């Protein structure tokens, strides 16, 4: 994972400690536990301004370049991650086949990548357990 941000890119990251999370699939009524290694997660969503600065592509109008990027594909998101890694002088996490059909993530790379589903859920729970719906404290 990314341990240090290099170059002049200032993209604030938060250290998420390792731990364990229980995941579930309600469709098949199955639960399992996943071990989470410590990782870094962006403190803020990727903005339209940052996305454009890295890719030279505008996902939407640049009106309000501090708004989060929306309506991009998973392929666009991993391409952005690789480009951001390159600009920061880090090793890209994703390898993409020549035909664009196959993707491999190098989990030991120090570059930017998308969090796994388990990492995302673990970070969102912020140390709590179980599922919670409705108003937050």
N, C-alpha and C. Protein backbone atom coordinates (compact mmCIF):
# COMPACT_ATOMS: atom_id res chain seq x y z
N UNK A 1 0.83 -1.19 0.00
CA UNK A 1 0.00 0.00 0.00
C UNK A 1 0.87 1.24 0.00
N UNK A 2 0.22 2.32 -0.26
CA UNK A 2 0.88 3.62 -0.29
C UNK A 2 1.29 3.99 1.12
N UNK A 3 2.57 4.17 1.36
CA UNK A 3 3.05 4.54 2.68
C UNK A 3 3.45 5.99 2.76
N UNK A 4 3.74 6.55 1.64
CA UNK A 4 4.22 7.93 1.64
C UNK A 4 3.83 8.56 0.32
N UNK A 5 3.34 9.77 0.35
CA UNK A 5 2.99 10.46 -0.88
C UNK A 5 4.21 11.24 -1.34
N UNK A 6 4.60 11.00 -2.58
CA UNK A 6 5.80 11.62 -3.11
C UNK A 6 5.44 12.72 -4.08
N UNK A 7 6.41 13.46 -4.52
CA UNK A 7 6.32 14.56 -5.48
C UNK A 7 5.48 15.69 -4.92
N UNK A 8 4.92 16.50 -5.81
CA UNK A 8 4.18 17.67 -5.36
C UNK A 8 2.67 17.42 -5.28
N UNK A 9 2.25 16.17 -5.43
CA UNK A 9 0.84 15.87 -5.32
C UNK A 9 0.47 15.84 -3.85
N UNK A 10 -0.48 16.67 -3.48
CA UNK A 10 -0.95 16.73 -2.10
C UNK A 10 -2.33 16.11 -2.04
N UNK A 11 -2.38 14.84 -1.77
CA UNK A 11 -3.63 14.11 -1.71
C UNK A 11 -3.72 13.49 -0.33
N UNK A 12 -4.41 14.14 0.61
CA UNK A 12 -4.40 13.68 2.01
C UNK A 12 -5.01 12.29 2.18
N UNK A 13 -4.29 11.46 2.90
CA UNK A 13 -4.72 10.08 3.15
C UNK A 13 -4.88 9.87 4.66
N UNK A 14 -5.73 8.95 5.02
CA UNK A 14 -5.99 8.59 6.41
C UNK A 14 -5.50 7.15 6.62
N UNK A 15 -4.76 6.93 7.72
CA UNK A 15 -4.31 5.58 8.04
C UNK A 15 -5.47 4.80 8.67
N UNK A 16 -5.80 3.66 8.06
CA UNK A 16 -6.83 2.78 8.57
C UNK A 16 -6.11 1.57 9.18
N UNK A 17 -6.30 1.34 10.47
CA UNK A 17 -5.59 0.21 11.10
C UNK A 17 -6.15 -1.12 10.62
N UNK A 18 -5.36 -2.16 10.73
CA UNK A 18 -5.81 -3.49 10.35
C UNK A 18 -6.83 -4.02 11.34
N UNK A 19 -7.50 -5.06 10.97
CA UNK A 19 -8.49 -5.69 11.84
C UNK A 19 -9.26 -6.76 11.10
N UNK A 20 -10.43 -7.03 11.57
CA UNK A 20 -11.26 -8.07 10.98
C UNK A 20 -12.68 -7.53 10.79
N UNK A 21 -13.33 -7.96 9.73
CA UNK A 21 -14.71 -7.55 9.48
C UNK A 21 -15.52 -8.77 9.08
N UNK A 22 -16.76 -8.77 9.53
CA UNK A 22 -17.68 -9.82 9.09
C UNK A 22 -18.45 -9.29 7.89
N UNK A 23 -18.39 -10.01 6.81
CA UNK A 23 -19.11 -9.67 5.59
C UNK A 23 -20.29 -10.61 5.44
N UNK A 24 -21.26 -10.21 4.65
CA UNK A 24 -22.41 -11.08 4.44
C UNK A 24 -22.95 -10.90 3.03
N UNK A 25 -23.61 -11.94 2.57
CA UNK A 25 -24.32 -11.91 1.30
C UNK A 25 -25.74 -12.35 1.60
N UNK A 26 -26.65 -11.40 1.66
CA UNK A 26 -28.04 -11.69 2.02
C UNK A 26 -28.75 -12.55 0.97
N UNK A 27 -28.27 -12.53 -0.26
CA UNK A 27 -28.92 -13.32 -1.31
C UNK A 27 -28.80 -14.81 -1.03
N UNK A 28 -27.61 -15.22 -0.55
CA UNK A 28 -27.39 -16.65 -0.30
C UNK A 28 -27.32 -16.97 1.19
N UNK A 29 -27.63 -15.96 2.02
CA UNK A 29 -27.67 -16.14 3.48
C UNK A 29 -26.34 -16.70 4.00
N UNK A 30 -25.24 -16.04 3.61
CA UNK A 30 -23.91 -16.49 4.00
C UNK A 30 -23.16 -15.35 4.67
N UNK A 31 -22.39 -15.68 5.72
CA UNK A 31 -21.52 -14.72 6.40
C UNK A 31 -20.11 -15.30 6.45
N UNK A 32 -19.11 -14.42 6.42
CA UNK A 32 -17.73 -14.84 6.55
C UNK A 32 -16.92 -13.67 7.09
N UNK A 33 -15.75 -13.98 7.61
CA UNK A 33 -14.87 -12.94 8.15
C UNK A 33 -13.72 -12.71 7.19
N UNK A 34 -13.28 -11.46 7.11
CA UNK A 34 -12.14 -11.09 6.27
C UNK A 34 -11.14 -10.34 7.13
N UNK A 35 -9.89 -10.70 7.01
CA UNK A 35 -8.81 -10.02 7.70
C UNK A 35 -8.40 -8.81 6.87
N UNK A 36 -8.30 -7.66 7.51
CA UNK A 36 -7.94 -6.42 6.82
C UNK A 36 -6.55 -6.00 7.27
N UNK A 37 -5.65 -5.84 6.32
CA UNK A 37 -4.32 -5.30 6.63
C UNK A 37 -4.42 -3.78 6.70
N UNK A 38 -3.53 -3.13 7.47
CA UNK A 38 -3.57 -1.66 7.52
C UNK A 38 -3.44 -1.09 6.10
N UNK A 39 -4.15 0.01 5.84
CA UNK A 39 -4.08 0.64 4.52
C UNK A 39 -4.36 2.13 4.67
N UNK A 40 -4.12 2.85 3.60
CA UNK A 40 -4.42 4.28 3.55
C UNK A 40 -5.64 4.48 2.66
N UNK A 41 -6.50 5.41 3.06
CA UNK A 41 -7.70 5.73 2.31
C UNK A 41 -7.75 7.23 2.13
N UNK A 42 -8.14 7.69 0.97
CA UNK A 42 -8.22 9.13 0.72
C UNK A 42 -9.15 9.78 1.73
N UNK A 43 -8.73 10.90 2.24
CA UNK A 43 -9.52 11.63 3.22
C UNK A 43 -10.78 12.22 2.59
N UNK A 44 -10.69 12.56 1.31
CA UNK A 44 -11.81 13.18 0.60
C UNK A 44 -12.04 12.45 -0.71
N UNK A 45 -13.27 12.52 -1.24
CA UNK A 45 -13.51 11.94 -2.57
C UNK A 45 -12.66 12.65 -3.62
N UNK A 46 -12.37 11.96 -4.70
CA UNK A 46 -11.65 12.58 -5.82
C UNK A 46 -12.56 13.65 -6.41
N UNK A 47 -12.02 14.84 -6.55
CA UNK A 47 -12.81 15.95 -7.09
C UNK A 47 -12.70 15.99 -8.61
N UNK A 48 -13.66 16.69 -9.22
CA UNK A 48 -13.61 16.87 -10.68
C UNK A 48 -12.33 17.59 -11.08
N UNK A 49 -11.91 18.56 -10.26
CA UNK A 49 -10.69 19.30 -10.56
C UNK A 49 -9.46 18.42 -10.56
N UNK A 50 -9.32 17.54 -9.55
CA UNK A 50 -8.18 16.63 -9.50
C UNK A 50 -8.24 15.63 -10.65
N UNK A 51 -9.43 15.10 -10.90
CA UNK A 51 -9.60 14.13 -11.98
C UNK A 51 -9.15 14.74 -13.32
N UNK A 52 -9.60 15.96 -13.58
CA UNK A 52 -9.23 16.63 -14.83
C UNK A 52 -7.73 16.92 -14.87
N UNK A 53 -7.15 17.36 -13.75
CA UNK A 53 -5.71 17.68 -13.70
C UNK A 53 -4.86 16.45 -14.00
N UNK A 54 -5.32 15.26 -13.59
CA UNK A 54 -4.55 14.04 -13.79
C UNK A 54 -4.82 13.42 -15.15
N UNK A 55 -6.08 13.41 -15.60
CA UNK A 55 -6.44 12.69 -16.83
C UNK A 55 -6.60 13.57 -18.05
N UNK A 56 -6.76 14.88 -17.87
CA UNK A 56 -7.12 15.79 -18.94
C UNK A 56 -8.47 15.45 -19.57
N UNK A 57 -9.30 14.71 -18.82
CA UNK A 57 -10.65 14.37 -19.26
C UNK A 57 -11.62 14.95 -18.25
N UNK A 58 -12.69 15.50 -18.73
CA UNK A 58 -13.71 16.03 -17.85
C UNK A 58 -14.88 15.06 -17.78
N UNK A 59 -15.13 14.45 -16.60
CA UNK A 59 -16.24 13.52 -16.50
C UNK A 59 -17.58 14.24 -16.59
N UNK A 60 -17.61 15.47 -16.19
CA UNK A 60 -18.79 16.34 -16.24
C UNK A 60 -18.28 17.74 -16.53
N UNK A 61 -19.13 18.71 -16.39
CA UNK A 61 -18.67 20.08 -16.58
C UNK A 61 -17.71 20.42 -15.45
N UNK A 62 -16.76 21.28 -15.71
CA UNK A 62 -15.82 21.68 -14.66
C UNK A 62 -16.42 22.74 -13.75
N UNK A 63 -17.69 23.06 -13.97
CA UNK A 63 -18.36 23.98 -13.07
C UNK A 63 -18.38 23.34 -11.70
N UNK A 64 -17.72 23.97 -10.75
CA UNK A 64 -17.65 23.39 -9.42
C UNK A 64 -16.61 22.29 -9.35
N UNK A 65 -15.35 22.61 -9.64
CA UNK A 65 -14.33 21.58 -9.72
C UNK A 65 -13.98 20.94 -8.37
N UNK A 66 -14.60 21.41 -7.29
CA UNK A 66 -14.39 20.78 -5.98
C UNK A 66 -15.46 19.72 -5.68
N UNK A 67 -16.39 19.53 -6.62
CA UNK A 67 -17.40 18.50 -6.44
C UNK A 67 -16.79 17.12 -6.73
N UNK A 68 -17.32 16.07 -6.09
CA UNK A 68 -16.79 14.72 -6.34
C UNK A 68 -17.05 14.27 -7.78
N UNK A 69 -16.13 13.48 -8.29
CA UNK A 69 -16.31 12.88 -9.61
C UNK A 69 -17.42 11.84 -9.51
N UNK A 70 -18.32 11.87 -10.47
CA UNK A 70 -19.40 10.89 -10.53
C UNK A 70 -19.53 10.39 -11.97
N UNK A 71 -20.22 9.31 -12.13
CA UNK A 71 -20.54 8.76 -13.46
C UNK A 71 -19.32 8.44 -14.30
N UNK A 72 -18.30 7.84 -13.67
CA UNK A 72 -17.19 7.30 -14.44
C UNK A 72 -17.20 5.79 -14.26
N UNK A 73 -16.62 5.09 -15.20
CA UNK A 73 -16.62 3.63 -15.14
C UNK A 73 -15.52 3.14 -14.19
N UNK A 74 -15.60 1.87 -13.83
CA UNK A 74 -14.56 1.24 -13.02
C UNK A 74 -13.23 1.31 -13.77
N UNK A 75 -13.27 1.09 -15.09
CA UNK A 75 -12.04 1.18 -15.90
C UNK A 75 -11.44 2.58 -15.81
N UNK A 76 -12.28 3.61 -15.88
CA UNK A 76 -11.79 4.99 -15.75
C UNK A 76 -11.17 5.22 -14.38
N UNK A 77 -11.78 4.64 -13.34
CA UNK A 77 -11.28 4.83 -11.98
C UNK A 77 -9.91 4.18 -11.80
N UNK A 78 -9.71 2.98 -12.35
CA UNK A 78 -8.39 2.36 -12.18
C UNK A 78 -7.35 3.03 -13.08
N UNK A 79 -7.76 3.52 -14.23
CA UNK A 79 -6.82 4.28 -15.07
C UNK A 79 -6.40 5.56 -14.35
N UNK A 80 -7.34 6.24 -13.70
CA UNK A 80 -7.03 7.42 -12.90
C UNK A 80 -6.04 7.06 -11.79
N UNK A 81 -6.28 5.95 -11.10
CA UNK A 81 -5.39 5.51 -10.02
C UNK A 81 -3.97 5.30 -10.53
N UNK A 82 -3.84 4.66 -11.68
CA UNK A 82 -2.51 4.44 -12.26
C UNK A 82 -1.84 5.76 -12.64
N UNK A 83 -2.59 6.66 -13.26
CA UNK A 83 -2.03 7.97 -13.65
C UNK A 83 -1.61 8.78 -12.42
N UNK A 84 -2.42 8.76 -11.37
CA UNK A 84 -2.09 9.47 -10.14
C UNK A 84 -0.82 8.88 -9.53
N UNK A 85 -0.70 7.57 -9.55
CA UNK A 85 0.51 6.90 -9.05
C UNK A 85 1.74 7.34 -9.85
N UNK A 86 1.62 7.35 -11.18
CA UNK A 86 2.74 7.79 -12.03
C UNK A 86 3.16 9.20 -11.68
N UNK A 87 2.20 10.12 -11.58
CA UNK A 87 2.52 11.52 -11.30
C UNK A 87 3.14 11.70 -9.93
N UNK A 88 2.84 10.79 -8.98
CA UNK A 88 3.41 10.86 -7.64
C UNK A 88 4.72 10.10 -7.55
N UNK A 89 5.16 9.48 -8.64
CA UNK A 89 6.41 8.72 -8.63
C UNK A 89 6.29 7.39 -7.91
N UNK A 90 5.09 6.81 -7.91
CA UNK A 90 4.83 5.54 -7.24
C UNK A 90 4.60 4.44 -8.26
N UNK A 91 4.69 3.20 -7.79
CA UNK A 91 4.48 2.05 -8.67
C UNK A 91 2.98 1.84 -8.87
N UNK A 92 2.55 1.76 -10.12
CA UNK A 92 1.15 1.53 -10.44
C UNK A 92 0.66 0.23 -9.83
N UNK A 93 -0.57 0.22 -9.38
CA UNK A 93 -1.16 -1.00 -8.81
C UNK A 93 -1.77 -1.90 -9.86
N UNK A 94 -2.30 -1.31 -10.93
CA UNK A 94 -3.06 -2.08 -11.89
C UNK A 94 -2.28 -2.34 -13.17
N UNK A 95 -2.34 -3.59 -13.62
CA UNK A 95 -1.86 -3.98 -14.94
C UNK A 95 -3.10 -4.26 -15.78
N UNK A 96 -3.10 -3.72 -16.98
CA UNK A 96 -4.26 -3.87 -17.87
C UNK A 96 -3.78 -4.54 -19.14
N UNK A 97 -4.47 -5.60 -19.57
CA UNK A 97 -4.06 -6.31 -20.78
C UNK A 97 -4.21 -5.40 -22.00
N UNK A 98 -3.52 -5.74 -23.07
CA UNK A 98 -3.54 -4.93 -24.29
C UNK A 98 -4.96 -4.77 -24.85
N UNK A 99 -5.79 -5.81 -24.69
CA UNK A 99 -7.15 -5.71 -25.20
C UNK A 99 -8.09 -4.99 -24.22
N UNK A 100 -7.57 -4.62 -23.05
CA UNK A 100 -8.37 -3.90 -22.06
C UNK A 100 -9.41 -4.75 -21.35
N UNK A 101 -9.31 -6.06 -21.51
CA UNK A 101 -10.31 -6.96 -20.93
C UNK A 101 -9.91 -7.53 -19.57
N UNK A 102 -8.62 -7.60 -19.28
CA UNK A 102 -8.15 -8.23 -18.04
C UNK A 102 -7.36 -7.25 -17.20
N UNK A 103 -7.60 -7.32 -15.89
CA UNK A 103 -6.95 -6.42 -14.95
C UNK A 103 -6.35 -7.23 -13.82
N UNK A 104 -5.17 -6.85 -13.40
CA UNK A 104 -4.52 -7.48 -12.26
C UNK A 104 -4.10 -6.37 -11.31
N UNK A 105 -4.40 -6.57 -10.01
CA UNK A 105 -3.97 -5.60 -9.00
C UNK A 105 -2.77 -6.16 -8.27
N UNK A 106 -1.70 -5.38 -8.21
CA UNK A 106 -0.51 -5.74 -7.44
C UNK A 106 -0.72 -5.18 -6.03
N UNK A 107 -1.14 -6.04 -5.11
CA UNK A 107 -1.49 -5.61 -3.76
C UNK A 107 -0.27 -5.14 -2.97
N UNK A 108 0.92 -5.44 -3.45
CA UNK A 108 2.14 -5.01 -2.76
C UNK A 108 2.68 -3.68 -3.30
N UNK A 109 2.06 -3.16 -4.35
CA UNK A 109 2.49 -1.89 -4.94
C UNK A 109 2.28 -0.76 -3.94
N UNK A 110 3.08 0.30 -4.09
CA UNK A 110 2.92 1.45 -3.20
C UNK A 110 2.08 2.56 -3.83
N UNK A 111 1.47 2.28 -4.98
CA UNK A 111 0.67 3.29 -5.67
C UNK A 111 -0.76 3.34 -5.19
N UNK A 112 -1.52 4.23 -5.83
CA UNK A 112 -2.92 4.41 -5.51
C UNK A 112 -3.76 3.29 -6.13
N UNK A 113 -4.79 2.88 -5.39
CA UNK A 113 -5.73 1.87 -5.90
C UNK A 113 -7.07 2.08 -5.23
N UNK A 114 -8.08 1.43 -5.77
CA UNK A 114 -9.40 1.46 -5.16
C UNK A 114 -9.40 0.52 -3.96
N UNK A 115 -10.15 0.86 -2.92
CA UNK A 115 -10.23 -0.09 -1.80
C UNK A 115 -11.04 -1.31 -2.22
N UNK A 116 -10.72 -2.45 -1.62
CA UNK A 116 -11.54 -3.64 -1.86
C UNK A 116 -12.89 -3.42 -1.18
N UNK A 117 -13.85 -4.26 -1.51
CA UNK A 117 -15.17 -4.14 -0.87
C UNK A 117 -15.04 -4.30 0.65
N UNK A 118 -14.23 -5.27 1.08
CA UNK A 118 -14.05 -5.50 2.52
C UNK A 118 -13.38 -4.29 3.18
N UNK A 119 -12.36 -3.71 2.54
CA UNK A 119 -11.70 -2.52 3.09
C UNK A 119 -12.67 -1.35 3.20
N UNK A 120 -13.50 -1.16 2.17
CA UNK A 120 -14.45 -0.06 2.16
C UNK A 120 -15.45 -0.21 3.31
N UNK A 121 -16.01 -1.40 3.46
CA UNK A 121 -16.96 -1.62 4.54
C UNK A 121 -16.30 -1.43 5.91
N UNK A 122 -15.08 -1.96 6.05
CA UNK A 122 -14.34 -1.84 7.30
C UNK A 122 -14.10 -0.36 7.65
N UNK A 123 -13.67 0.42 6.69
CA UNK A 123 -13.41 1.84 6.93
C UNK A 123 -14.70 2.59 7.27
N UNK A 124 -15.78 2.27 6.55
CA UNK A 124 -17.06 2.94 6.80
C UNK A 124 -17.60 2.65 8.19
N UNK A 125 -17.34 1.48 8.71
CA UNK A 125 -17.83 1.13 10.05
C UNK A 125 -17.04 1.83 11.14
N UNK A 126 -15.85 2.30 10.83
CA UNK A 126 -15.05 3.11 11.75
C UNK A 126 -14.98 2.52 13.16
N UNK A 127 -14.67 1.24 13.25
CA UNK A 127 -14.50 0.62 14.55
C UNK A 127 -15.77 0.08 15.18
N UNK A 128 -16.91 0.29 14.54
CA UNK A 128 -18.16 -0.24 15.09
C UNK A 128 -18.37 -1.65 14.55
N UNK A 129 -19.31 -2.36 15.14
CA UNK A 129 -19.63 -3.70 14.65
C UNK A 129 -21.08 -3.74 14.23
N UNK A 130 -21.42 -4.73 13.45
CA UNK A 130 -22.81 -4.89 13.03
C UNK A 130 -23.20 -3.88 11.97
N UNK A 131 -24.47 -3.94 11.61
CA UNK A 131 -25.00 -3.04 10.59
C UNK A 131 -25.93 -2.07 11.29
N UNK A 132 -25.96 -0.85 10.78
CA UNK A 132 -26.76 0.17 11.42
C UNK A 132 -27.48 0.97 10.34
N UNK A 133 -28.75 1.21 10.58
CA UNK A 133 -29.55 1.97 9.64
C UNK A 133 -30.23 3.11 10.37
N UNK A 134 -30.56 4.15 9.68
CA UNK A 134 -31.25 5.27 10.29
C UNK A 134 -30.32 6.38 10.70
N UNK A 135 -30.76 7.19 11.66
CA UNK A 135 -30.00 8.36 12.11
C UNK A 135 -28.70 7.94 12.80
N UNK A 136 -27.64 8.71 12.57
CA UNK A 136 -26.36 8.48 13.24
C UNK A 136 -26.25 9.41 14.44
N UNK A 137 -25.55 8.98 15.46
CA UNK A 137 -25.32 9.83 16.65
C UNK A 137 -24.50 11.04 16.28
